[in-house]
Amino acid sequence: MAAPLYSSEHALVLCRLAGYGPGLAFLYEKQRQYREVLQVAMSHRDLDGVIAACLSYGDARQGGDAQLWSDALHYLAGLEGDDALAALEELMGHLEEGAILPPLVVVQALAANPNLKVSLVKGFVGRALARDTADIERDREAVARLASETASMQAEVARLKTQPHPLELPVVHFMCGHSFNLRSLGENDRECPLCTADFKRVLEIRRNMRAGEVGARWS
């Protein structure tokens, strides 16, 4: 791609002098200065642009800046007018849908404007509490399910210890006293799977002791 036939810094200066918001937003976007893009929209009271900036550049997982959501929330919460209220409600819908900001942060931002409708704050808090209650209930169900599964496993272990079943033929008996069904052993039918690790450790210790004795004779 060919290099642009202009200086970005020079273009920024010209756009600032002319107060040309779209040009500033374009140049800041190219430089990945997403907070500046949002600032341009806020300085021109471009409420649609404020929300668009958050949606386009507010995902940190895609290289954006999650701080845009908080900045936009505080900005819209401090404005007056029906258009600002509509934009605030739209922004809060996105915040709730994506669980982007903690509910307490949202409530604190809304509390900064005493002129906001109580129903707006009340509705948000009610939905947040309902989600938290649902999460707690799901956690309780998960804990109860795990406890039930654990109890079943413990009962099965106890039953197997006290009521052993006869092994299916053919059976392999090892010198250590353990016995296994041949099918459960697979190809490793020469060593007891329960004792192999300990047996190998004993052999290794014996080899080391013999090696030490041989070394002592030649030293």
N, C-alpha and C. Protein backbone atom coordinates (compact mmCIF):
# COMPACT_ATOMS: atom_id res chain seq x y z
N MET A 1 0.86 -1.19 0.00
CA MET A 1 0.00 0.00 0.00
C MET A 1 0.89 1.23 0.00
N ALA A 2 0.56 2.20 -0.83
CA ALA A 2 1.37 3.40 -0.94
C ALA A 2 1.22 4.25 0.31
N ALA A 3 2.28 4.96 0.66
CA ALA A 3 2.25 5.83 1.82
C ALA A 3 1.32 7.01 1.55
N PRO A 4 0.60 7.50 2.57
CA PRO A 4 -0.30 8.65 2.36
C PRO A 4 0.48 9.88 1.94
N LEU A 5 -0.15 10.69 1.09
CA LEU A 5 0.51 11.89 0.57
C LEU A 5 0.26 13.08 1.49
N TYR A 6 0.32 12.84 2.79
CA TYR A 6 0.15 13.93 3.75
C TYR A 6 0.83 13.54 5.04
N SER A 7 1.14 14.52 5.85
CA SER A 7 1.69 14.29 7.18
C SER A 7 0.54 14.19 8.18
N SER A 8 0.52 13.11 8.93
CA SER A 8 -0.55 12.93 9.90
C SER A 8 -0.59 14.05 10.92
N GLU A 9 0.58 14.45 11.39
CA GLU A 9 0.63 15.52 12.38
C GLU A 9 0.13 16.83 11.79
N HIS A 10 0.54 17.12 10.55
CA HIS A 10 0.08 18.34 9.90
C HIS A 10 -1.43 18.30 9.69
N ALA A 11 -1.93 17.14 9.28
CA ALA A 11 -3.38 17.01 9.08
C ALA A 11 -4.14 17.18 10.39
N LEU A 12 -3.59 16.66 11.48
CA LEU A 12 -4.23 16.83 12.79
C LEU A 12 -4.33 18.30 13.16
N VAL A 13 -3.25 19.04 12.93
CA VAL A 13 -3.25 20.47 13.25
C VAL A 13 -4.32 21.20 12.44
N LEU A 14 -4.40 20.89 11.16
CA LEU A 14 -5.39 21.55 10.31
C LEU A 14 -6.81 21.21 10.75
N CYS A 15 -7.05 19.94 11.09
CA CYS A 15 -8.39 19.54 11.53
C CYS A 15 -8.76 20.20 12.85
N ARG A 16 -7.78 20.34 13.74
CA ARG A 16 -8.05 21.02 15.02
C ARG A 16 -8.40 22.48 14.79
N LEU A 17 -7.63 23.14 13.93
CA LEU A 17 -7.87 24.55 13.66
C LEU A 17 -9.24 24.76 13.03
N ALA A 18 -9.63 23.82 12.18
CA ALA A 18 -10.92 23.95 11.50
C ALA A 18 -12.07 23.37 12.31
N GLY A 19 -11.75 22.70 13.43
CA GLY A 19 -12.79 22.06 14.21
C GLY A 19 -13.50 20.96 13.46
N TYR A 20 -12.77 20.25 12.62
CA TYR A 20 -13.35 19.23 11.75
C TYR A 20 -13.30 17.88 12.46
N GLY A 21 -14.39 17.55 13.12
CA GLY A 21 -14.45 16.33 13.91
C GLY A 21 -14.23 15.05 13.14
N PRO A 22 -14.91 14.84 12.00
CA PRO A 22 -14.69 13.59 11.26
C PRO A 22 -13.23 13.37 10.87
N GLY A 23 -12.55 14.46 10.50
CA GLY A 23 -11.14 14.32 10.14
C GLY A 23 -10.29 13.94 11.34
N LEU A 24 -10.57 14.56 12.49
CA LEU A 24 -9.84 14.22 13.71
C LEU A 24 -10.07 12.75 14.09
N ALA A 25 -11.34 12.33 14.05
CA ALA A 25 -11.65 10.95 14.40
C ALA A 25 -10.95 9.97 13.47
N PHE A 26 -10.93 10.29 12.19
CA PHE A 26 -10.27 9.42 11.21
C PHE A 26 -8.77 9.29 11.50
N LEU A 27 -8.13 10.43 11.76
CA LEU A 27 -6.69 10.41 12.00
C LEU A 27 -6.35 9.71 13.32
N TYR A 28 -7.15 9.95 14.36
CA TYR A 28 -6.89 9.29 15.64
C TYR A 28 -7.11 7.78 15.52
N GLU A 29 -8.10 7.39 14.74
CA GLU A 29 -8.33 5.96 14.55
C GLU A 29 -7.13 5.31 13.87
N LYS A 30 -6.57 5.98 12.86
CA LYS A 30 -5.40 5.44 12.17
C LYS A 30 -4.22 5.29 13.11
N GLN A 31 -4.13 6.17 14.10
CA GLN A 31 -3.04 6.11 15.07
C GLN A 31 -3.40 5.26 16.29
N ARG A 32 -4.56 4.62 16.26
CA ARG A 32 -5.03 3.75 17.34
C ARG A 32 -5.15 4.50 18.67
N GLN A 33 -5.45 5.79 18.58
CA GLN A 33 -5.69 6.59 19.78
C GLN A 33 -7.21 6.64 20.02
N TYR A 34 -7.72 5.56 20.55
CA TYR A 34 -9.16 5.38 20.62
C TYR A 34 -9.82 6.30 21.64
N ARG A 35 -9.13 6.65 22.69
CA ARG A 35 -9.72 7.58 23.65
C ARG A 35 -9.88 8.96 23.02
N GLU A 36 -8.96 9.31 22.13
CA GLU A 36 -9.08 10.59 21.43
C GLU A 36 -10.26 10.56 20.46
N VAL A 37 -10.50 9.40 19.85
CA VAL A 37 -11.68 9.26 18.98
C VAL A 37 -12.95 9.52 19.78
N LEU A 38 -13.03 8.93 20.96
CA LEU A 38 -14.19 9.14 21.83
C LEU A 38 -14.29 10.60 22.25
N GLN A 39 -13.15 11.20 22.56
CA GLN A 39 -13.14 12.59 23.00
C GLN A 39 -13.67 13.51 21.92
N VAL A 40 -13.34 13.22 20.66
CA VAL A 40 -13.86 14.03 19.55
C VAL A 40 -15.38 13.96 19.52
N ALA A 41 -15.92 12.75 19.65
CA ALA A 41 -17.38 12.60 19.64
C ALA A 41 -18.02 13.33 20.81
N MET A 42 -17.40 13.26 21.99
CA MET A 42 -17.97 13.92 23.15
C MET A 42 -17.89 15.44 23.02
N SER A 43 -16.79 15.95 22.47
CA SER A 43 -16.64 17.40 22.34
C SER A 43 -17.63 17.99 21.35
N HIS A 44 -18.13 17.19 20.41
CA HIS A 44 -19.11 17.65 19.44
C HIS A 44 -20.53 17.21 19.80
N ARG A 45 -20.69 16.66 20.99
CA ARG A 45 -21.98 16.10 21.46
C ARG A 45 -22.57 15.16 20.40
N ASP A 46 -21.71 14.35 19.86
CA ASP A 46 -22.14 13.35 18.88
C ASP A 46 -22.45 12.07 19.66
N LEU A 47 -23.67 11.96 20.13
CA LEU A 47 -24.03 10.86 21.02
C LEU A 47 -23.99 9.51 20.31
N ASP A 48 -24.42 9.49 19.07
CA ASP A 48 -24.30 8.25 18.30
C ASP A 48 -22.83 7.88 18.12
N GLY A 49 -21.99 8.89 17.91
CA GLY A 49 -20.56 8.64 17.75
C GLY A 49 -19.92 8.12 19.02
N VAL A 50 -20.42 8.58 20.18
CA VAL A 50 -19.91 8.09 21.46
C VAL A 50 -20.15 6.59 21.59
N ILE A 51 -21.38 6.18 21.32
CA ILE A 51 -21.70 4.76 21.43
C ILE A 51 -20.97 3.95 20.37
N ALA A 52 -20.88 4.49 19.16
CA ALA A 52 -20.18 3.79 18.09
C ALA A 52 -18.71 3.59 18.43
N ALA A 53 -18.09 4.59 19.07
CA ALA A 53 -16.68 4.46 19.45
C ALA A 53 -16.50 3.34 20.46
N CYS A 54 -17.43 3.23 21.41
CA CYS A 54 -17.34 2.16 22.41
C CYS A 54 -17.50 0.79 21.76
N LEU A 55 -18.46 0.68 20.86
CA LEU A 55 -18.70 -0.60 20.20
C LEU A 55 -17.54 -0.99 19.30
N SER A 56 -16.92 -0.01 18.65
CA SER A 56 -15.86 -0.30 17.69
C SER A 56 -14.51 -0.52 18.35
N TYR A 57 -14.23 0.24 19.42
CA TYR A 57 -12.88 0.24 19.97
C TYR A 57 -12.82 -0.10 21.46
N GLY A 58 -13.92 -0.58 22.03
CA GLY A 58 -13.95 -0.81 23.48
C GLY A 58 -13.65 -2.23 23.92
N ASP A 59 -13.26 -3.09 22.99
CA ASP A 59 -12.97 -4.49 23.35
C ASP A 59 -11.46 -4.68 23.43
N ALA A 60 -10.95 -4.82 24.65
CA ALA A 60 -9.51 -4.98 24.84
C ALA A 60 -9.00 -6.27 24.23
N ARG A 61 -9.85 -7.28 24.11
CA ARG A 61 -9.43 -8.56 23.54
C ARG A 61 -9.11 -8.43 22.06
N GLN A 62 -9.63 -7.39 21.43
CA GLN A 62 -9.37 -7.17 20.02
C GLN A 62 -8.48 -5.96 19.79
N GLY A 63 -7.70 -5.61 20.81
CA GLY A 63 -6.76 -4.51 20.69
C GLY A 63 -7.35 -3.15 21.01
N GLY A 64 -8.56 -3.12 21.54
CA GLY A 64 -9.20 -1.86 21.87
C GLY A 64 -8.89 -1.41 23.28
N ASP A 65 -9.71 -0.49 23.78
CA ASP A 65 -9.49 0.10 25.10
C ASP A 65 -10.81 0.04 25.87
N ALA A 66 -10.88 -0.82 26.88
CA ALA A 66 -12.11 -1.00 27.65
C ALA A 66 -12.47 0.24 28.47
N GLN A 67 -11.52 1.14 28.68
CA GLN A 67 -11.79 2.35 29.45
C GLN A 67 -12.80 3.25 28.75
N LEU A 68 -12.97 3.06 27.44
CA LEU A 68 -13.93 3.88 26.70
C LEU A 68 -15.33 3.77 27.29
N TRP A 69 -15.71 2.58 27.72
CA TRP A 69 -17.06 2.38 28.26
C TRP A 69 -17.28 3.21 29.51
N SER A 70 -16.31 3.21 30.40
CA SER A 70 -16.44 3.99 31.63
C SER A 70 -16.47 5.48 31.33
N ASP A 71 -15.60 5.93 30.43
CA ASP A 71 -15.58 7.36 30.07
C ASP A 71 -16.90 7.78 29.44
N ALA A 72 -17.43 6.95 28.55
CA ALA A 72 -18.69 7.27 27.89
C ALA A 72 -19.84 7.28 28.88
N LEU A 73 -19.83 6.35 29.83
CA LEU A 73 -20.89 6.29 30.83
C LEU A 73 -20.92 7.56 31.67
N HIS A 74 -19.76 7.98 32.17
CA HIS A 74 -19.71 9.19 32.98
C HIS A 74 -20.11 10.42 32.16
N TYR A 75 -19.73 10.44 30.90
CA TYR A 75 -20.08 11.57 30.04
C TYR A 75 -21.59 11.64 29.83
N LEU A 76 -22.20 10.55 29.43
CA LEU A 76 -23.64 10.55 29.15
C LEU A 76 -24.46 10.75 30.41
N ALA A 77 -23.99 10.20 31.53
CA ALA A 77 -24.72 10.35 32.79
C ALA A 77 -24.75 11.79 33.26
N GLY A 78 -23.81 12.60 32.80
CA GLY A 78 -23.75 13.99 33.23
C GLY A 78 -24.47 14.96 32.31
N LEU A 79 -25.05 14.46 31.21
CA LEU A 79 -25.73 15.33 30.25
C LEU A 79 -27.21 15.47 30.58
N GLU A 80 -27.79 16.54 30.09
CA GLU A 80 -29.22 16.77 30.22
C GLU A 80 -29.87 16.62 28.84
N GLY A 81 -31.15 16.33 28.82
CA GLY A 81 -31.87 16.26 27.57
C GLY A 81 -32.35 14.86 27.25
N ASP A 82 -33.42 14.80 26.49
CA ASP A 82 -33.99 13.51 26.13
C ASP A 82 -33.05 12.69 25.25
N ASP A 83 -32.32 13.38 24.36
CA ASP A 83 -31.40 12.65 23.49
C ASP A 83 -30.28 12.00 24.29
N ALA A 84 -29.80 12.72 25.32
CA ALA A 84 -28.75 12.17 26.17
C ALA A 84 -29.27 10.98 26.98
N LEU A 85 -30.52 11.10 27.46
CA LEU A 85 -31.11 10.00 28.23
C LEU A 85 -31.27 8.75 27.37
N ALA A 86 -31.71 8.96 26.13
CA ALA A 86 -31.87 7.82 25.22
C ALA A 86 -30.52 7.16 24.93
N ALA A 87 -29.49 7.99 24.74
CA ALA A 87 -28.15 7.44 24.49
C ALA A 87 -27.63 6.70 25.72
N LEU A 88 -27.90 7.25 26.91
CA LEU A 88 -27.46 6.60 28.14
C LEU A 88 -28.13 5.24 28.31
N GLU A 89 -29.42 5.18 28.03
CA GLU A 89 -30.14 3.91 28.14
C GLU A 89 -29.59 2.89 27.14
N GLU A 90 -29.26 3.35 25.93
CA GLU A 90 -28.69 2.44 24.94
C GLU A 90 -27.32 1.93 25.40
N LEU A 91 -26.50 2.83 25.93
CA LEU A 91 -25.18 2.43 26.41
C LEU A 91 -25.30 1.43 27.55
N MET A 92 -26.22 1.69 28.47
CA MET A 92 -26.40 0.78 29.60
C MET A 92 -26.88 -0.59 29.14
N GLY A 93 -27.67 -0.60 28.06
CA GLY A 93 -28.09 -1.89 27.51
C GLY A 93 -26.90 -2.71 27.04
N HIS A 94 -25.95 -2.04 26.39
CA HIS A 94 -24.74 -2.74 25.94
C HIS A 94 -23.91 -3.19 27.14
N LEU A 95 -23.84 -2.34 28.17
CA LEU A 95 -23.07 -2.69 29.37
C LEU A 95 -23.65 -3.93 30.04
N GLU A 96 -24.97 -3.98 30.14
CA GLU A 96 -25.62 -5.14 30.76
C GLU A 96 -25.45 -6.39 29.92
N GLU A 97 -25.63 -6.25 28.63
CA GLU A 97 -25.57 -7.41 27.74
C GLU A 97 -24.19 -8.06 27.77
N GLY A 98 -23.15 -7.24 27.80
CA GLY A 98 -21.80 -7.78 27.79
C GLY A 98 -21.15 -7.88 29.15
N ALA A 99 -21.89 -7.50 30.23
CA ALA A 99 -21.32 -7.49 31.59
C ALA A 99 -19.96 -6.81 31.57
N ILE A 100 -19.92 -5.61 31.01
CA ILE A 100 -18.65 -4.93 30.75
C ILE A 100 -18.12 -4.24 31.99
N LEU A 101 -19.01 -3.59 32.75
CA LEU A 101 -18.59 -2.88 33.95
C LEU A 101 -19.31 -3.46 35.17
N PRO A 102 -18.66 -3.43 36.34
CA PRO A 102 -19.34 -3.90 37.55
C PRO A 102 -20.56 -3.02 37.84
N PRO A 103 -21.65 -3.59 38.33
CA PRO A 103 -22.85 -2.80 38.62
C PRO A 103 -22.59 -1.62 39.54
N LEU A 104 -21.69 -1.79 40.52
CA LEU A 104 -21.42 -0.70 41.45
C LEU A 104 -20.82 0.50 40.73
N VAL A 105 -19.94 0.26 39.76
CA VAL A 105 -19.34 1.36 38.99
C VAL A 105 -20.42 2.11 38.22
N VAL A 106 -21.35 1.37 37.64
CA VAL A 106 -22.44 2.00 36.88
C VAL A 106 -23.32 2.84 37.80
N VAL A 107 -23.68 2.29 38.94
CA VAL A 107 -24.54 3.02 39.88
C VAL A 107 -23.86 4.28 40.37
N GLN A 108 -22.58 4.21 40.66
CA GLN A 108 -21.85 5.40 41.11
C GLN A 108 -21.83 6.48 40.04
N ALA A 109 -21.68 6.08 38.79
CA ALA A 109 -21.70 7.05 37.70
C ALA A 109 -23.08 7.68 37.56
N LEU A 110 -24.12 6.88 37.68
CA LEU A 110 -25.48 7.41 37.57
C LEU A 110 -25.82 8.34 38.74
N ALA A 111 -25.28 8.03 39.91
CA ALA A 111 -25.58 8.84 41.10
C ALA A 111 -25.00 10.24 41.00
N ALA A 112 -24.05 10.46 40.09
CA ALA A 112 -23.45 11.78 39.94
C ALA A 112 -24.43 12.79 39.36
N ASN A 113 -25.50 12.32 38.73
CA ASN A 113 -26.50 13.21 38.15
C ASN A 113 -27.81 13.06 38.91
N PRO A 114 -28.13 14.01 39.79
CA PRO A 114 -29.35 13.88 40.60
C PRO A 114 -30.63 14.03 39.79
N ASN A 115 -30.50 14.46 38.54
CA ASN A 115 -31.69 14.69 37.72
C ASN A 115 -32.11 13.46 36.91
N LEU A 116 -31.35 12.38 36.99
CA LEU A 116 -31.72 11.17 36.26
C LEU A 116 -32.98 10.56 36.85
N LYS A 117 -33.75 9.92 35.99
CA LYS A 117 -34.98 9.28 36.45
C LYS A 117 -34.65 8.14 37.42
N VAL A 118 -35.40 8.09 38.50
CA VAL A 118 -35.20 7.04 39.49
C VAL A 118 -35.46 5.67 38.86
N SER A 119 -36.41 5.61 37.95
CA SER A 119 -36.76 4.33 37.33
C SER A 119 -35.58 3.74 36.56
N LEU A 120 -34.73 4.62 35.99
CA LEU A 120 -33.57 4.13 35.24
C LEU A 120 -32.61 3.40 36.17
N VAL A 121 -32.30 4.05 37.30
CA VAL A 121 -31.37 3.45 38.27
C VAL A 121 -32.00 2.23 38.92
N LYS A 122 -33.27 2.36 39.29
CA LYS A 122 -33.96 1.25 39.97
C LYS A 122 -34.03 0.02 39.08
N GLY A 123 -34.34 0.24 37.80
CA GLY A 123 -34.43 -0.89 36.88
C GLY A 123 -33.09 -1.58 36.71
N PHE A 124 -32.03 -0.78 36.59
CA PHE A 124 -30.70 -1.37 36.43
C PHE A 124 -30.31 -2.18 37.65
N VAL A 125 -30.51 -1.60 38.84
CA VAL A 125 -30.14 -2.30 40.08
C VAL A 125 -30.95 -3.58 40.23
N GLY A 126 -32.25 -3.52 39.91
CA GLY A 126 -33.09 -4.70 40.03
C GLY A 126 -32.63 -5.83 39.12
N ARG A 127 -32.28 -5.48 37.89
CA ARG A 127 -31.80 -6.52 36.96
C ARG A 127 -30.46 -7.08 37.40
N ALA A 128 -29.59 -6.21 37.93
CA ALA A 128 -28.28 -6.68 38.40
C ALA A 128 -28.45 -7.65 39.57
N LEU A 129 -29.36 -7.31 40.50
CA LEU A 129 -29.61 -8.20 41.64
C LEU A 129 -30.20 -9.52 41.18
N ALA A 130 -31.08 -9.46 40.19
CA ALA A 130 -31.68 -10.70 39.67
C ALA A 130 -30.62 -11.60 39.05
N ARG A 131 -29.68 -11.00 38.31
CA ARG A 131 -28.60 -11.80 37.72
C ARG A 131 -27.72 -12.41 38.80
N ASP A 132 -27.40 -11.61 39.83
CA ASP A 132 -26.56 -12.13 40.92
C ASP A 132 -27.27 -13.27 41.65
N THR A 133 -28.58 -13.10 41.87
CA THR A 133 -29.35 -14.16 42.53
C THR A 133 -29.34 -15.44 41.71
N ALA A 134 -29.51 -15.28 40.39
CA ALA A 134 -29.49 -16.45 39.51
C ALA A 134 -28.12 -17.12 39.53
N ASP A 135 -27.05 -16.31 39.54
CA ASP A 135 -25.70 -16.88 39.60
C ASP A 135 -25.48 -17.65 40.90
N ILE A 136 -25.95 -17.07 42.01
CA ILE A 136 -25.80 -17.74 43.30
C ILE A 136 -26.56 -19.06 43.31
N GLU A 137 -27.76 -19.05 42.75
CA GLU A 137 -28.57 -20.27 42.72
C GLU A 137 -27.90 -21.35 41.87
N ARG A 138 -27.32 -20.93 40.72
CA ARG A 138 -26.61 -21.91 39.88
C ARG A 138 -25.40 -22.47 40.62
N ASP A 139 -24.69 -21.61 41.36
CA ASP A 139 -23.54 -22.09 42.13
C ASP A 139 -23.98 -23.08 43.20
N ARG A 140 -25.10 -22.79 43.86
CA ARG A 140 -25.60 -23.70 44.89
C ARG A 140 -25.97 -25.05 44.28
N GLU A 141 -26.61 -25.01 43.12
CA GLU A 141 -26.98 -26.26 42.46
C GLU A 141 -25.74 -27.05 42.06
N ALA A 142 -24.71 -26.34 41.59
CA ALA A 142 -23.48 -27.02 41.20
C ALA A 142 -22.81 -27.66 42.42
N VAL A 143 -22.78 -26.92 43.54
CA VAL A 143 -22.19 -27.46 44.77
C VAL A 143 -22.96 -28.69 45.24
N ALA A 144 -24.29 -28.60 45.21
CA ALA A 144 -25.11 -29.74 45.64
C ALA A 144 -24.89 -30.94 44.73
N ARG A 145 -24.79 -30.69 43.43
CA ARG A 145 -24.57 -31.80 42.49
C ARG A 145 -23.21 -32.46 42.72
N LEU A 146 -22.18 -31.63 42.93
CA LEU A 146 -20.85 -32.18 43.19
C LEU A 146 -20.82 -32.96 44.50
N ALA A 147 -21.53 -32.43 45.52
CA ALA A 147 -21.57 -33.14 46.81
C ALA A 147 -22.26 -34.49 46.65
N SER A 148 -23.34 -34.53 45.86
CA SER A 148 -24.05 -35.79 45.62
C SER A 148 -23.16 -36.78 44.87
N GLU A 149 -22.46 -36.29 43.85
CA GLU A 149 -21.58 -37.17 43.09
C GLU A 149 -20.44 -37.69 43.96
N THR A 150 -19.90 -36.82 44.83
CA THR A 150 -18.82 -37.24 45.72
C THR A 150 -19.31 -38.30 46.70
N ALA A 151 -20.52 -38.10 47.24
CA ALA A 151 -21.07 -39.08 48.17
C ALA A 151 -21.29 -40.42 47.47
N SER A 152 -21.76 -40.38 46.22
CA SER A 152 -21.97 -41.63 45.47
C SER A 152 -20.65 -42.35 45.22
N MET A 153 -19.62 -41.58 44.88
CA MET A 153 -18.31 -42.19 44.64
C MET A 153 -17.74 -42.79 45.91
N GLN A 154 -17.90 -42.07 47.04
CA GLN A 154 -17.40 -42.60 48.31
C GLN A 154 -18.15 -43.88 48.69
N ALA A 155 -19.47 -43.89 48.45
CA ALA A 155 -20.24 -45.09 48.76
C ALA A 155 -19.81 -46.25 47.87
N GLU A 156 -19.52 -45.97 46.61
CA GLU A 156 -19.07 -47.02 45.70
C GLU A 156 -17.72 -47.57 46.12
N VAL A 157 -16.81 -46.67 46.54
CA VAL A 157 -15.50 -47.11 47.01
C VAL A 157 -15.64 -47.99 48.24
N ALA A 158 -16.50 -47.55 49.17
CA ALA A 158 -16.71 -48.35 50.39
C ALA A 158 -17.31 -49.71 50.05
N ARG A 159 -18.24 -49.72 49.10
CA ARG A 159 -18.86 -51.00 48.72
C ARG A 159 -17.84 -51.93 48.08
N LEU A 160 -16.98 -51.39 47.24
CA LEU A 160 -15.98 -52.23 46.60
C LEU A 160 -14.97 -52.78 47.61
N LYS A 161 -14.70 -51.99 48.66
CA LYS A 161 -13.76 -52.45 49.68
C LYS A 161 -14.36 -53.56 50.53
N THR A 162 -15.65 -53.45 50.82
CA THR A 162 -16.29 -54.41 51.73
C THR A 162 -17.00 -55.55 51.01
N GLN A 163 -17.34 -55.35 49.74
CA GLN A 163 -18.04 -56.37 48.97
C GLN A 163 -17.34 -56.60 47.63
N PRO A 164 -16.15 -57.13 47.67
CA PRO A 164 -15.41 -57.32 46.41
C PRO A 164 -16.11 -58.33 45.51
N HIS A 165 -16.09 -58.06 44.22
CA HIS A 165 -16.68 -58.97 43.24
C HIS A 165 -15.62 -59.95 42.75
N PRO A 166 -16.02 -61.18 42.44
CA PRO A 166 -15.04 -62.12 41.88
C PRO A 166 -14.55 -61.63 40.52
N LEU A 167 -13.26 -61.85 40.26
CA LEU A 167 -12.68 -61.41 39.00
C LEU A 167 -13.17 -62.28 37.85
N GLU A 168 -13.35 -61.65 36.70
CA GLU A 168 -13.72 -62.39 35.51
C GLU A 168 -12.50 -63.15 34.99
N LEU A 169 -12.73 -64.36 34.55
CA LEU A 169 -11.64 -65.16 33.98
C LEU A 169 -11.30 -64.65 32.59
N PRO A 170 -10.03 -64.79 32.17
CA PRO A 170 -8.90 -65.37 32.93
C PRO A 170 -8.32 -64.36 33.92
N VAL A 171 -7.73 -64.89 34.99
CA VAL A 171 -7.19 -64.07 36.07
C VAL A 171 -5.69 -64.29 36.15
N VAL A 172 -4.96 -63.19 36.41
CA VAL A 172 -3.51 -63.26 36.58
C VAL A 172 -3.20 -62.99 38.05
N HIS A 173 -2.49 -63.91 38.71
CA HIS A 173 -2.09 -63.76 40.10
C HIS A 173 -0.60 -63.44 40.16
N PHE A 174 -0.26 -62.39 40.88
CA PHE A 174 1.14 -62.01 41.03
C PHE A 174 1.67 -62.48 42.38
N MET A 175 3.01 -62.59 42.47
CA MET A 175 3.64 -63.06 43.70
C MET A 175 3.39 -62.12 44.87
N CYS A 176 3.12 -60.85 44.57
CA CYS A 176 2.89 -59.89 45.64
C CYS A 176 1.55 -60.09 46.33
N GLY A 177 0.68 -60.90 45.72
CA GLY A 177 -0.63 -61.17 46.31
C GLY A 177 -1.78 -60.49 45.60
N HIS A 178 -1.49 -59.58 44.68
CA HIS A 178 -2.54 -58.91 43.93
C HIS A 178 -2.97 -59.76 42.74
N SER A 179 -4.24 -59.64 42.39
CA SER A 179 -4.79 -60.38 41.25
C SER A 179 -5.59 -59.43 40.38
N PHE A 180 -5.51 -59.66 39.07
CA PHE A 180 -6.21 -58.80 38.11
C PHE A 180 -6.80 -59.65 37.00
N ASN A 181 -7.89 -59.13 36.45
CA ASN A 181 -8.43 -59.72 35.24
C ASN A 181 -7.47 -59.45 34.09
N LEU A 182 -7.21 -60.44 33.27
CA LEU A 182 -6.21 -60.31 32.20
C LEU A 182 -6.57 -59.17 31.25
N ARG A 183 -7.84 -58.98 30.99
CA ARG A 183 -8.25 -57.93 30.07
C ARG A 183 -7.91 -56.54 30.60
N SER A 184 -7.99 -56.35 31.92
CA SER A 184 -7.69 -55.05 32.51
C SER A 184 -6.20 -54.74 32.49
N LEU A 185 -5.36 -55.77 32.41
CA LEU A 185 -3.92 -55.56 32.37
C LEU A 185 -3.44 -55.15 31.00
N GLY A 186 -4.14 -55.56 29.97
CA GLY A 186 -3.70 -55.26 28.62
C GLY A 186 -2.44 -56.03 28.28
N GLU A 187 -1.49 -55.37 27.64
CA GLU A 187 -0.25 -56.03 27.24
C GLU A 187 0.73 -56.18 28.39
N ASN A 188 0.57 -55.37 29.43
CA ASN A 188 1.50 -55.41 30.56
C ASN A 188 1.01 -56.44 31.58
N ASP A 189 1.18 -57.74 31.24
CA ASP A 189 0.69 -58.80 32.12
C ASP A 189 1.80 -59.49 32.89
N ARG A 190 3.00 -58.91 32.89
CA ARG A 190 4.14 -59.52 33.60
C ARG A 190 4.45 -58.83 34.92
N GLU A 191 3.92 -57.62 35.12
CA GLU A 191 4.21 -56.87 36.34
C GLU A 191 2.91 -56.39 36.96
N CYS A 192 2.86 -56.42 38.28
CA CYS A 192 1.69 -55.92 39.00
C CYS A 192 1.64 -54.40 38.87
N PRO A 193 0.55 -53.84 38.37
CA PRO A 193 0.49 -52.39 38.20
C PRO A 193 0.52 -51.62 39.52
N LEU A 194 0.14 -52.27 40.62
CA LEU A 194 0.16 -51.60 41.91
C LEU A 194 1.54 -51.59 42.54
N CYS A 195 2.36 -52.58 42.21
CA CYS A 195 3.66 -52.72 42.87
C CYS A 195 4.83 -52.38 41.97
N THR A 196 4.59 -52.16 40.68
CA THR A 196 5.69 -51.95 39.74
C THR A 196 6.56 -50.78 40.13
N ALA A 197 5.93 -49.66 40.50
CA ALA A 197 6.72 -48.46 40.82
C ALA A 197 7.63 -48.70 42.02
N ASP A 198 7.08 -49.31 43.09
CA ASP A 198 7.91 -49.60 44.27
C ASP A 198 9.01 -50.61 43.93
N PHE A 199 8.69 -51.61 43.13
CA PHE A 199 9.67 -52.63 42.75
C PHE A 199 10.82 -52.01 41.97
N LYS A 200 10.50 -51.10 41.06
CA LYS A 200 11.55 -50.44 40.28
C LYS A 200 12.43 -49.56 41.15
N ARG A 201 11.83 -48.91 42.16
CA ARG A 201 12.63 -48.10 43.07
C ARG A 201 13.61 -48.97 43.86
N VAL A 202 13.14 -50.13 44.30
CA VAL A 202 14.02 -51.04 45.04
C VAL A 202 15.17 -51.51 44.16
N LEU A 203 14.87 -51.86 42.91
CA LEU A 203 15.93 -52.28 41.98
C LEU A 203 16.94 -51.17 41.76
N GLU A 204 16.45 -49.95 41.64
CA GLU A 204 17.36 -48.82 41.41
C GLU A 204 18.26 -48.62 42.61
N ILE A 205 17.70 -48.75 43.82
CA ILE A 205 18.52 -48.60 45.04
C ILE A 205 19.59 -49.69 45.09
N ARG A 206 19.20 -50.91 44.75
CA ARG A 206 20.17 -52.01 44.76
C ARG A 206 21.27 -51.79 43.74
N ARG A 207 20.91 -51.31 42.55
CA ARG A 207 21.93 -51.04 41.53
C ARG A 207 22.89 -49.97 42.00
N ASN A 208 22.36 -48.94 42.64
CA ASN A 208 23.23 -47.87 43.13
C ASN A 208 24.17 -48.38 44.22
N MET A 209 23.63 -49.26 45.10
CA MET A 209 24.47 -49.81 46.16
C MET A 209 25.58 -50.68 45.58
N ARG A 210 25.25 -51.50 44.58
CA ARG A 210 26.27 -52.35 43.96
C ARG A 210 27.32 -51.52 43.24
N ALA A 211 26.86 -50.47 42.58
CA ALA A 211 27.81 -49.60 41.90
C ALA A 211 28.75 -48.95 42.90
N GLY A 212 28.20 -48.59 44.07
CA GLY A 212 29.05 -47.99 45.09
C GLY A 212 30.06 -48.98 45.64
N GLU A 213 29.64 -50.27 45.79
CA GLU A 213 30.57 -51.29 46.28
C GLU A 213 31.69 -51.53 45.28
N VAL A 214 31.34 -51.58 43.99
CA VAL A 214 32.38 -51.79 42.97
C VAL A 214 33.34 -50.62 42.94
N GLY A 215 32.82 -49.42 43.06
CA GLY A 215 33.70 -48.26 43.06
C GLY A 215 34.63 -48.26 44.26
N ALA A 216 34.11 -48.73 45.41
CA ALA A 216 34.96 -48.76 46.61
C ALA A 216 36.09 -49.76 46.46
N ARG A 217 35.85 -50.88 45.75
CA ARG A 217 36.90 -51.88 45.56
C ARG A 217 38.03 -51.35 44.68
N TRP A 218 37.67 -50.54 43.71
CA TRP A 218 38.70 -50.04 42.77
C TRP A 218 39.32 -48.72 43.22
N SER A 219 38.83 -48.19 44.32
CA SER A 219 39.39 -46.91 44.76
C SER A 219 40.60 -47.15 45.67
